[in-house]
Amino acid sequence: MTWSRTAVDLHGAQLVALVVGIAILSQWIAWRSRVPAIIYLLTSGFAAGAILRRAGIETGLEQFNQTFVPVAAALVLFEGGLNTRWQDLQKVGLPVLRLVSVGLVLTWILTTASA
């Protein structure tokens, strides 16, 4: 007996319902656990994409994602910049400085070593 994977197409309304349902659940979990929602939204998005791909479900969004993902990332960064207060930055200045400096050097070293 051989198992074959057949691609299943997810239609627009089904895809929107799935994404909205996952987003609502992620927001609710973030609200209950008092963790920033972006953590759960990113995690659930990555997990949903991996599960759908592994299950052989085609969304047809590959071309759309090449444009949408950079725009969404820019919006997240822009919104974060708008809501950041200087007083908040002063409280976390040293850890951010360490993260930027040590993180940058460590990333450079590991990337160079892996190339």
N, C-alpha and C. Protein backbone atom coordinates (compact mmCIF):
# COMPACT_ATOMS: atom_id res chain seq x y z
N MET A 1 0.84 -1.16 0.00
CA MET A 1 0.00 0.00 0.00
C MET A 1 0.90 1.24 0.00
N THR A 2 0.60 2.15 -0.87
CA THR A 2 1.38 3.39 -0.93
C THR A 2 0.51 4.56 -0.53
N TRP A 3 1.11 5.45 0.18
CA TRP A 3 0.41 6.67 0.59
C TRP A 3 0.82 7.79 -0.34
N SER A 4 -0.14 8.49 -0.81
CA SER A 4 0.17 9.63 -1.67
C SER A 4 -0.44 10.88 -1.08
N ARG A 5 0.28 11.95 -1.20
CA ARG A 5 -0.21 13.23 -0.70
C ARG A 5 -0.94 13.93 -1.83
N THR A 6 -2.14 14.33 -1.56
CA THR A 6 -2.87 15.13 -2.54
C THR A 6 -3.05 16.51 -1.96
N ALA A 7 -2.84 17.49 -2.78
CA ALA A 7 -2.96 18.87 -2.33
C ALA A 7 -4.43 19.23 -2.16
N VAL A 8 -4.73 19.87 -1.06
CA VAL A 8 -6.08 20.36 -0.79
C VAL A 8 -6.02 21.87 -0.87
N ASP A 9 -6.94 22.44 -1.61
CA ASP A 9 -6.97 23.90 -1.73
C ASP A 9 -7.84 24.49 -0.63
N LEU A 10 -7.33 25.51 0.00
CA LEU A 10 -8.10 26.25 0.99
C LEU A 10 -8.65 27.47 0.28
N HIS A 11 -9.94 27.60 0.24
CA HIS A 11 -10.56 28.72 -0.46
C HIS A 11 -10.53 29.97 0.40
N GLY A 12 -10.78 31.11 -0.22
CA GLY A 12 -10.64 32.41 0.44
C GLY A 12 -11.36 32.52 1.76
N ALA A 13 -12.64 32.17 1.80
CA ALA A 13 -13.43 32.32 3.02
C ALA A 13 -12.92 31.39 4.12
N GLN A 14 -12.52 30.18 3.74
CA GLN A 14 -11.99 29.24 4.72
C GLN A 14 -10.67 29.74 5.30
N LEU A 15 -9.84 30.28 4.44
CA LEU A 15 -8.55 30.79 4.88
C LEU A 15 -8.72 31.98 5.81
N VAL A 16 -9.62 32.89 5.45
CA VAL A 16 -9.88 34.06 6.29
C VAL A 16 -10.43 33.62 7.64
N ALA A 17 -11.35 32.66 7.65
CA ALA A 17 -11.92 32.17 8.90
C ALA A 17 -10.84 31.53 9.77
N LEU A 18 -9.95 30.77 9.16
CA LEU A 18 -8.86 30.14 9.91
C LEU A 18 -7.93 31.18 10.51
N VAL A 19 -7.53 32.16 9.72
CA VAL A 19 -6.61 33.19 10.20
C VAL A 19 -7.25 34.02 11.31
N VAL A 20 -8.50 34.42 11.12
CA VAL A 20 -9.19 35.23 12.13
C VAL A 20 -9.37 34.42 13.42
N GLY A 21 -9.73 33.15 13.29
CA GLY A 21 -9.89 32.31 14.47
C GLY A 21 -8.59 32.15 15.25
N ILE A 22 -7.50 31.92 14.54
CA ILE A 22 -6.19 31.78 15.20
C ILE A 22 -5.79 33.11 15.84
N ALA A 23 -6.05 34.22 15.17
CA ALA A 23 -5.69 35.53 15.71
C ALA A 23 -6.49 35.85 16.97
N ILE A 24 -7.78 35.54 16.96
CA ILE A 24 -8.61 35.80 18.15
C ILE A 24 -8.14 34.94 19.31
N LEU A 25 -7.87 33.67 19.05
CA LEU A 25 -7.39 32.78 20.11
C LEU A 25 -6.04 33.26 20.65
N SER A 26 -5.15 33.69 19.77
CA SER A 26 -3.84 34.19 20.20
C SER A 26 -3.97 35.45 21.05
N GLN A 27 -4.84 36.36 20.62
CA GLN A 27 -5.06 37.59 21.39
C GLN A 27 -5.63 37.27 22.77
N TRP A 28 -6.56 36.33 22.84
CA TRP A 28 -7.18 35.98 24.10
C TRP A 28 -6.16 35.35 25.05
N ILE A 29 -5.34 34.44 24.53
CA ILE A 29 -4.31 33.81 25.36
C ILE A 29 -3.31 34.87 25.85
N ALA A 30 -2.95 35.80 24.98
CA ALA A 30 -2.02 36.86 25.38
C ALA A 30 -2.64 37.74 26.46
N TRP A 31 -3.91 38.05 26.32
CA TRP A 31 -4.59 38.87 27.32
C TRP A 31 -4.65 38.15 28.67
N ARG A 32 -4.95 36.85 28.65
CA ARG A 32 -5.05 36.08 29.89
C ARG A 32 -3.68 35.90 30.55
N SER A 33 -2.64 35.73 29.76
CA SER A 33 -1.32 35.47 30.32
C SER A 33 -0.49 36.74 30.51
N ARG A 34 -1.03 37.86 30.08
CA ARG A 34 -0.36 39.17 30.19
C ARG A 34 1.02 39.17 29.53
N VAL A 35 1.07 38.54 28.38
CA VAL A 35 2.27 38.50 27.54
C VAL A 35 1.95 39.28 26.28
N PRO A 36 2.91 40.01 25.71
CA PRO A 36 2.61 40.74 24.47
C PRO A 36 2.02 39.83 23.40
N ALA A 37 0.96 40.30 22.78
CA ALA A 37 0.22 39.49 21.81
C ALA A 37 1.08 39.08 20.62
N ILE A 38 2.05 39.88 20.27
CA ILE A 38 2.87 39.57 19.09
C ILE A 38 3.59 38.23 19.26
N ILE A 39 3.91 37.86 20.49
CA ILE A 39 4.58 36.58 20.75
C ILE A 39 3.68 35.43 20.31
N TYR A 40 2.44 35.45 20.75
CA TYR A 40 1.51 34.38 20.40
C TYR A 40 1.09 34.45 18.94
N LEU A 41 0.94 35.64 18.40
CA LEU A 41 0.55 35.78 17.00
C LEU A 41 1.63 35.21 16.08
N LEU A 42 2.89 35.56 16.34
CA LEU A 42 3.98 35.03 15.52
C LEU A 42 4.11 33.51 15.65
N THR A 43 4.05 33.03 16.88
CA THR A 43 4.20 31.60 17.12
C THR A 43 3.08 30.81 16.45
N SER A 44 1.84 31.28 16.62
CA SER A 44 0.72 30.56 16.01
C SER A 44 0.76 30.66 14.49
N GLY A 45 1.21 31.78 13.96
CA GLY A 45 1.33 31.91 12.51
C GLY A 45 2.36 30.96 11.93
N PHE A 46 3.52 30.89 12.57
CA PHE A 46 4.56 29.95 12.12
C PHE A 46 4.06 28.51 12.22
N ALA A 47 3.40 28.19 13.34
CA ALA A 47 2.91 26.83 13.54
C ALA A 47 1.83 26.48 12.52
N ALA A 48 0.91 27.40 12.28
CA ALA A 48 -0.16 27.14 11.31
C ALA A 48 0.41 26.93 9.92
N GLY A 49 1.38 27.75 9.54
CA GLY A 49 2.00 27.58 8.22
C GLY A 49 2.69 26.25 8.08
N ALA A 50 3.41 25.84 9.12
CA ALA A 50 4.12 24.56 9.07
C ALA A 50 3.14 23.38 9.03
N ILE A 51 2.08 23.48 9.82
CA ILE A 51 1.09 22.40 9.86
C ILE A 51 0.37 22.28 8.53
N LEU A 52 -0.05 23.41 7.97
CA LEU A 52 -0.75 23.39 6.68
C LEU A 52 0.16 22.84 5.58
N ARG A 53 1.41 23.25 5.58
CA ARG A 53 2.35 22.78 4.56
C ARG A 53 2.59 21.28 4.70
N ARG A 54 2.78 20.83 5.93
CA ARG A 54 3.04 19.40 6.15
C ARG A 54 1.82 18.55 5.81
N ALA A 55 0.63 19.10 6.03
CA ALA A 55 -0.60 18.36 5.73
C ALA A 55 -0.92 18.39 4.23
N GLY A 56 -0.16 19.15 3.46
CA GLY A 56 -0.39 19.20 2.03
C GLY A 56 -1.50 20.14 1.62
N ILE A 57 -1.85 21.06 2.50
CA ILE A 57 -2.93 22.01 2.21
C ILE A 57 -2.33 23.24 1.55
N GLU A 58 -2.81 23.54 0.37
CA GLU A 58 -2.31 24.69 -0.39
C GLU A 58 -3.18 25.91 -0.10
N THR A 59 -2.54 27.02 0.22
CA THR A 59 -3.28 28.25 0.47
C THR A 59 -3.25 29.17 -0.74
N GLY A 60 -2.29 29.00 -1.61
CA GLY A 60 -2.19 29.85 -2.79
C GLY A 60 -1.69 31.25 -2.48
N LEU A 61 -1.08 31.44 -1.31
CA LEU A 61 -0.64 32.77 -0.89
C LEU A 61 0.86 32.99 -1.03
N GLU A 62 1.56 32.10 -1.67
CA GLU A 62 3.01 32.22 -1.73
C GLU A 62 3.44 33.53 -2.38
N GLN A 63 2.82 33.88 -3.49
CA GLN A 63 3.16 35.13 -4.18
C GLN A 63 2.74 36.34 -3.35
N PHE A 64 1.58 36.24 -2.73
CA PHE A 64 1.06 37.33 -1.89
C PHE A 64 1.98 37.57 -0.69
N ASN A 65 2.50 36.49 -0.11
CA ASN A 65 3.34 36.61 1.08
C ASN A 65 4.63 37.37 0.81
N GLN A 66 5.15 37.29 -0.40
CA GLN A 66 6.40 37.99 -0.72
C GLN A 66 6.23 39.49 -0.59
N THR A 67 5.03 39.99 -0.79
CA THR A 67 4.76 41.41 -0.64
C THR A 67 4.23 41.72 0.75
N PHE A 68 3.35 40.88 1.27
CA PHE A 68 2.66 41.16 2.51
C PHE A 68 3.56 41.09 3.74
N VAL A 69 4.43 40.12 3.81
CA VAL A 69 5.25 39.92 5.01
C VAL A 69 6.16 41.12 5.29
N PRO A 70 6.89 41.66 4.31
CA PRO A 70 7.70 42.86 4.61
C PRO A 70 6.85 44.07 5.02
N VAL A 71 5.69 44.23 4.40
CA VAL A 71 4.81 45.35 4.77
C VAL A 71 4.30 45.16 6.20
N ALA A 72 3.91 43.95 6.56
CA ALA A 72 3.44 43.68 7.91
C ALA A 72 4.55 43.91 8.94
N ALA A 73 5.77 43.49 8.62
CA ALA A 73 6.89 43.72 9.53
C ALA A 73 7.15 45.22 9.70
N ALA A 74 7.07 45.97 8.62
CA ALA A 74 7.26 47.42 8.70
C ALA A 74 6.18 48.06 9.56
N LEU A 75 4.94 47.60 9.43
CA LEU A 75 3.85 48.15 10.24
C LEU A 75 4.04 47.85 11.72
N VAL A 76 4.49 46.64 12.04
CA VAL A 76 4.74 46.28 13.44
C VAL A 76 5.84 47.16 14.02
N LEU A 77 6.93 47.36 13.29
CA LEU A 77 8.02 48.21 13.77
C LEU A 77 7.57 49.67 13.90
N PHE A 78 6.79 50.15 12.94
CA PHE A 78 6.30 51.52 12.97
C PHE A 78 5.39 51.74 14.17
N GLU A 79 4.48 50.79 14.41
CA GLU A 79 3.56 50.90 15.55
C GLU A 79 4.33 50.85 16.86
N GLY A 80 5.34 49.99 16.93
CA GLY A 80 6.16 49.93 18.13
C GLY A 80 6.91 51.22 18.38
N GLY A 81 7.39 51.84 17.31
CA GLY A 81 8.08 53.12 17.43
C GLY A 81 7.15 54.23 17.87
N LEU A 82 5.92 54.21 17.40
CA LEU A 82 4.96 55.24 17.80
C LEU A 82 4.58 55.15 19.27
N ASN A 83 4.51 53.93 19.79
CA ASN A 83 4.06 53.74 21.17
C ASN A 83 5.19 53.70 22.18
N THR A 84 6.42 53.87 21.75
CA THR A 84 7.56 53.84 22.67
C THR A 84 7.77 55.22 23.26
N ARG A 85 7.88 55.26 24.59
CA ARG A 85 8.14 56.53 25.28
C ARG A 85 9.60 56.56 25.72
N TRP A 86 10.18 57.76 25.73
CA TRP A 86 11.59 57.90 26.11
C TRP A 86 11.83 57.42 27.53
N GLN A 87 10.86 57.60 28.42
CA GLN A 87 11.02 57.14 29.80
C GLN A 87 11.17 55.61 29.84
N ASP A 88 10.43 54.93 28.98
CA ASP A 88 10.55 53.47 28.92
C ASP A 88 11.92 53.05 28.42
N LEU A 89 12.45 53.78 27.46
CA LEU A 89 13.77 53.45 26.92
C LEU A 89 14.87 53.68 27.95
N GLN A 90 14.72 54.71 28.77
CA GLN A 90 15.74 54.99 29.79
C GLN A 90 15.78 53.88 30.84
N LYS A 91 14.64 53.26 31.12
CA LYS A 91 14.59 52.19 32.11
C LYS A 91 15.31 50.93 31.63
N VAL A 92 15.28 50.69 30.33
CA VAL A 92 15.86 49.47 29.79
C VAL A 92 17.07 49.75 28.91
N GLY A 93 17.68 50.89 29.10
CA GLY A 93 18.78 51.31 28.24
C GLY A 93 19.97 50.37 28.23
N LEU A 94 20.43 49.96 29.41
CA LEU A 94 21.61 49.09 29.48
C LEU A 94 21.36 47.71 28.86
N PRO A 95 20.25 47.04 29.18
CA PRO A 95 20.01 45.75 28.51
C PRO A 95 19.88 45.87 26.99
N VAL A 96 19.26 46.94 26.53
CA VAL A 96 19.13 47.14 25.08
C VAL A 96 20.51 47.37 24.46
N LEU A 97 21.35 48.15 25.13
CA LEU A 97 22.70 48.40 24.62
C LEU A 97 23.49 47.10 24.55
N ARG A 98 23.37 46.27 25.58
CA ARG A 98 24.05 44.97 25.57
C ARG A 98 23.52 44.08 24.44
N LEU A 99 22.21 44.06 24.29
CA LEU A 99 21.61 43.23 23.26
C LEU A 99 22.06 43.66 21.87
N VAL A 100 22.10 44.96 21.65
CA VAL A 100 22.49 45.46 20.34
C VAL A 100 23.97 45.22 20.08
N SER A 101 24.81 45.52 21.05
CA SER A 101 26.26 45.38 20.81
C SER A 101 26.70 43.92 20.84
N VAL A 102 26.43 43.22 21.92
CA VAL A 102 26.86 41.82 22.03
C VAL A 102 26.11 40.96 21.02
N GLY A 103 24.82 41.21 20.86
CA GLY A 103 24.03 40.44 19.90
C GLY A 103 24.52 40.62 18.48
N LEU A 104 24.89 41.83 18.14
CA LEU A 104 25.39 42.10 16.79
C LEU A 104 26.71 41.37 16.54
N VAL A 105 27.62 41.48 17.49
CA VAL A 105 28.92 40.83 17.34
C VAL A 105 28.76 39.31 17.31
N LEU A 106 27.94 38.78 18.20
CA LEU A 106 27.72 37.33 18.24
C LEU A 106 27.08 36.83 16.95
N THR A 107 26.11 37.56 16.43
CA THR A 107 25.49 37.18 15.16
C THR A 107 26.50 37.20 14.03
N TRP A 108 27.33 38.22 14.00
CA TRP A 108 28.36 38.32 12.95
C TRP A 108 29.32 37.14 13.03
N ILE A 109 29.78 36.81 14.24
CA ILE A 109 30.73 35.70 14.41
C ILE A 109 30.10 34.38 13.99
N LEU A 110 28.88 34.11 14.45
CA LEU A 110 28.23 32.84 14.12
C LEU A 110 27.91 32.74 12.63
N THR A 111 27.50 33.85 12.02
CA THR A 111 27.22 33.83 10.58
C THR A 111 28.49 33.61 9.79
N THR A 112 29.56 34.27 10.19
CA THR A 112 30.84 34.10 9.50
C THR A 112 31.35 32.66 9.66
N ALA A 113 31.20 32.11 10.84
CA ALA A 113 31.67 30.74 11.08
C ALA A 113 30.86 29.71 10.30
N SER A 114 29.59 29.98 10.11
CA SER A 114 28.75 29.00 9.40
C SER A 114 28.86 29.10 7.89
N ALA A 115 29.46 30.18 7.39
CA ALA A 115 29.55 30.34 5.93
C ALA A 115 30.67 29.53 5.32
